[in-house]
Amino acid sequence: MNRVQPWQDLILEPPTVLGVDEFNENHLTIRLWIKTKPLKQWDVAREYRRRLKNAFDREGISNPLPHRTIQIESASELSNLNGRK
């Protein structure tokens, strides 16, 4: 059985991409509508997000979570961070 077919049967119309809703250093929100059979919107949404995550992983697109880098210049700075003087 084709893995795509069960999901195609739940989607009533081609998805409509409304555009970028928000774009900042932490995330990007792209709004779209997918018209589904009654009460199937959650199943379709979960499958859509799973496929989107897999596509991002294949393309090397990382999750836009905030990243922090801490650079310690000397052992005395490390001691100060640990509460020792």
C-alpha atoms as a PDB file:
ATOM      1  CA  MET A   1       0.000   0.000   0.000  1.00  0.00           C
ATOM      2  CA  ASN A   2       1.233   3.488  -0.844  1.00  0.00           C
ATOM      3  CA  ARG A   3       2.135   5.412   2.356  1.00  0.00           C
ATOM      4  CA  VAL A   4       0.935   8.698   0.833  1.00  0.00           C
ATOM      5  CA  GLN A   5      -2.550   7.485  -0.097  1.00  0.00           C
ATOM      6  CA  PRO A   6      -4.089   7.285   3.415  1.00  0.00           C
ATOM      7  CA  TRP A   7      -3.129  10.927   4.039  1.00  0.00           C
ATOM      8  CA  GLN A   8      -4.343  12.074   0.636  1.00  0.00           C
ATOM      9  CA  ASP A   9      -7.740  10.586   1.450  1.00  0.00           C
ATOM     10  CA  LEU A  10      -7.962  12.735   4.611  1.00  0.00           C
ATOM     11  CA  ILE A  11      -7.067  15.995   2.823  1.00  0.00           C
ATOM     12  CA  LEU A  12     -10.012  17.501   0.932  1.00  0.00           C
ATOM     13  CA  GLU A  13      -8.264  20.325  -0.974  1.00  0.00           C
ATOM     14  CA  PRO A  14      -4.680  21.226  -1.833  1.00  0.00           C
ATOM     15  CA  PRO A  15      -3.029  23.068   1.090  1.00  0.00           C
ATOM     16  CA  THR A  16      -3.042  26.865   0.899  1.00  0.00           C
ATOM     17  CA  VAL A  17       0.165  28.588   2.011  1.00  0.00           C
ATOM     18  CA  LEU A  18      -0.839  31.951   3.482  1.00  0.00           C
ATOM     19  CA  GLY A  19       2.740  33.136   3.909  1.00  0.00           C
ATOM     20  CA  VAL A  20       5.277  34.028   6.566  1.00  0.00           C
ATOM     21  CA  ASP A  21       3.553  35.157   9.760  1.00  0.00           C
ATOM     22  CA  GLU A  22       6.617  35.760  11.914  1.00  0.00           C
ATOM     23  CA  PHE A  23      10.360  35.769  11.404  1.00  0.00           C
ATOM     24  CA  ASN A  24      12.918  36.458  14.120  1.00  0.00           C
ATOM     25  CA  GLU A  25      16.161  35.087  15.574  1.00  0.00           C
ATOM     26  CA  ASN A  26      14.344  32.260  17.394  1.00  0.00           C
ATOM     27  CA  HIS A  27      11.786  30.987  14.929  1.00  0.00           C
ATOM     28  CA  LEU A  28       9.973  31.248  11.643  1.00  0.00           C
ATOM     29  CA  THR A  29       6.199  30.834  11.399  1.00  0.00           C
ATOM     30  CA  ILE A  30       4.684  29.970   8.043  1.00  0.00           C
ATOM     31  CA  ARG A  31       0.901  29.802   8.135  1.00  0.00           C
ATOM     32  CA  LEU A  32      -1.007  27.380   5.932  1.00  0.00           C
ATOM     33  CA  TRP A  33      -4.456  25.863   5.724  1.00  0.00           C
ATOM     34  CA  ILE A  34      -5.108  22.194   5.111  1.00  0.00           C
ATOM     35  CA  LYS A  35      -8.801  21.333   4.774  1.00  0.00           C
ATOM     36  CA  THR A  36      -9.381  17.825   6.124  1.00  0.00           C
ATOM     37  CA  LYS A  37     -12.189  15.410   6.762  1.00  0.00           C
ATOM     38  CA  PRO A  38     -14.016  16.164  10.038  1.00  0.00           C
ATOM     39  CA  LEU A  39     -11.963  15.461  13.180  1.00  0.00           C
ATOM     40  CA  LYS A  40      -8.881  14.453  11.152  1.00  0.00           C
ATOM     41  CA  GLN A  41      -7.115  17.816  11.369  1.00  0.00           C
ATOM     42  CA  TRP A  42      -4.956  16.706  14.311  1.00  0.00           C
ATOM     43  CA  ASP A  43      -3.821  13.502  12.591  1.00  0.00           C
ATOM     44  CA  VAL A  44      -2.996  15.394   9.405  1.00  0.00           C
ATOM     45  CA  ALA A  45      -1.202  18.160  11.338  1.00  0.00           C
ATOM     46  CA  ARG A  46       0.972  15.635  13.200  1.00  0.00           C
ATOM     47  CA  GLU A  47       1.874  13.855   9.952  1.00  0.00           C
ATOM     48  CA  TYR A  48       2.604  17.167   8.231  1.00  0.00           C
ATOM     49  CA  ARG A  49       4.951  18.251  11.049  1.00  0.00           C
ATOM     50  CA  ARG A  50       6.670  14.834  11.042  1.00  0.00           C
ATOM     51  CA  ARG A  51       7.298  15.033   7.304  1.00  0.00           C
ATOM     52  CA  LEU A  52       8.467  18.641   7.561  1.00  0.00           C
ATOM     53  CA  LYS A  53      10.940  17.737  10.339  1.00  0.00           C
ATOM     54  CA  ASN A  54      12.264  14.803   8.281  1.00  0.00           C
ATOM     55  CA  ALA A  55      12.690  17.071   5.243  1.00  0.00           C
ATOM     56  CA  PHE A  56      14.568  19.645   7.346  1.00  0.00           C
ATOM     57  CA  ASP A  57      16.837  16.914   8.727  1.00  0.00           C
ATOM     58  CA  ARG A  58      17.598  15.621   5.204  1.00  0.00           C
ATOM     59  CA  GLU A  59      18.487  19.147   4.057  1.00  0.00           C
ATOM     60  CA  GLY A  60      20.613  19.900   7.136  1.00  0.00           C
ATOM     61  CA  ILE A  61      18.281  22.635   8.408  1.00  0.00           C
ATOM     62  CA  SER A  62      18.717  22.863  12.168  1.00  0.00           C
ATOM     63  CA  ASN A  63      16.090  23.623  14.773  1.00  0.00           C
ATOM     64  CA  PRO A  64      16.029  27.378  15.460  1.00  0.00           C
ATOM     65  CA  LEU A  65      16.340  27.032  19.221  1.00  0.00           C
ATOM     66  CA  PRO A  66      18.436  29.700  20.912  1.00  0.00           C
ATOM     67  CA  HIS A  67      22.068  28.602  21.179  1.00  0.00           C
ATOM     68  CA  ARG A  68      24.574  29.931  23.705  1.00  0.00           C
ATOM     69  CA  THR A  69      28.322  29.623  23.679  1.00  0.00           C
ATOM     70  CA  ILE A  70      30.283  30.191  26.881  1.00  0.00           C
ATOM     71  CA  GLN A  71      33.982  30.788  26.472  1.00  0.00           C
ATOM     72  CA  ILE A  72      36.259  30.540  29.509  1.00  0.00           C
ATOM     73  CA  GLU A  73      39.567  32.278  29.090  1.00  0.00           C
ATOM     74  CA  SER A  74      41.396  30.986  32.178  1.00  0.00           C
ATOM     75  CA  ALA A  75      41.246  28.455  35.008  1.00  0.00           C
ATOM     76  CA  SER A  76      40.655  31.282  37.512  1.00  0.00           C
ATOM     77  CA  GLU A  77      37.474  32.277  35.647  1.00  0.00           C
ATOM     78  CA  LEU A  78      36.284  28.672  35.863  1.00  0.00           C
ATOM     79  CA  SER A  79      36.992  28.673  39.618  1.00  0.00           C
ATOM     80  CA  ASN A  80      35.016  31.912  40.005  1.00  0.00           C
ATOM     81  CA  LEU A  81      32.052  30.329  38.201  1.00  0.00           C
ATOM     82  CA  ASN A  82      32.177  27.375  40.591  1.00  0.00           C
ATOM     83  CA  GLY A  83      32.126  29.713  43.620  1.00  0.00           C
ATOM     84  CA  ARG A  84      35.790  29.322  44.487  1.00  0.00           C
ATOM     85  CA  LYS A  85      38.227  32.196  44.778  1.00  0.00           C
END
